[in-house]
Protein backbone atom coordinates (compact mmCIF):
# COMPACT_ATOMS: atom_id res chain seq x y z
CA MET A 1 85.65 108.87 114.02
CA SER A 2 87.17 110.30 117.16
CA LEU A 3 85.19 111.77 119.99
CA MET A 4 86.66 115.25 119.40
CA SER A 5 85.70 115.10 115.72
CA ARG A 6 82.13 114.17 116.57
CA ALA A 7 81.89 116.89 119.21
CA SER A 8 83.25 119.43 116.73
CA LYS A 9 80.71 118.43 114.07
CA LEU A 10 77.89 118.57 116.62
CA LEU A 11 78.95 122.03 117.79
CA LYS A 12 79.18 123.31 114.20
CA ALA A 13 75.75 121.90 113.39
CA ASN A 14 74.22 123.57 116.45
CA VAL A 15 75.83 126.92 115.64
CA ASN A 16 74.63 126.73 112.03
CA HIS A 17 71.13 125.87 113.19
CA LEU A 18 71.08 128.86 115.56
CA LEU A 19 72.27 131.19 112.80
CA ASP A 20 69.69 129.85 110.35
CA SER A 21 66.85 130.25 112.82
CA ALA A 22 67.96 133.79 113.72
CA GLU A 23 67.76 135.01 110.12
CA ASP A 24 64.42 136.50 109.14
CA PRO A 25 63.81 135.94 105.42
CA GLU A 26 61.71 139.10 105.09
CA VAL A 27 64.45 141.24 106.60
CA MET A 28 67.06 139.60 104.40
CA ILE A 29 65.01 140.25 101.25
CA LYS A 30 64.48 143.88 102.21
CA GLU A 31 68.21 144.30 102.75
CA LEU A 32 68.97 142.71 99.38
CA VAL A 33 66.46 145.00 97.64
CA ARG A 34 67.96 148.04 99.38
CA ASP A 35 71.46 147.01 98.26
CA MET A 36 70.26 146.49 94.69
CA GLU A 37 68.54 149.88 94.63
CA GLU A 38 71.77 151.53 95.80
CA SER A 39 73.67 149.71 93.06
CA VAL A 40 71.18 150.90 90.44
CA GLY A 41 71.55 154.47 91.67
CA ARG A 42 75.35 154.29 91.43
CA LEU A 43 75.12 152.76 87.96
CA GLN A 44 72.70 155.46 86.77
CA SER A 45 74.94 158.21 88.02
CA TRP A 46 77.98 156.56 86.41
CA CYS A 47 76.12 156.31 83.08
CA GLN A 48 75.01 159.96 83.27
CA ARG A 49 78.60 161.09 83.77
CA ARG A 50 79.72 159.05 80.76
CA LEU A 51 77.03 160.42 78.42
């Protein structure tokens, strides 16, 4: 394995670790719930128009 390949893998691993540690699971779950609620609202309104 070349030195550049190892350095690249190390850099990618560090960046991924920083991104993982920056994500707050509670915030992510709240965002997912908000997105799902918006989807349900759009689906309800679509169904009402069709009925």
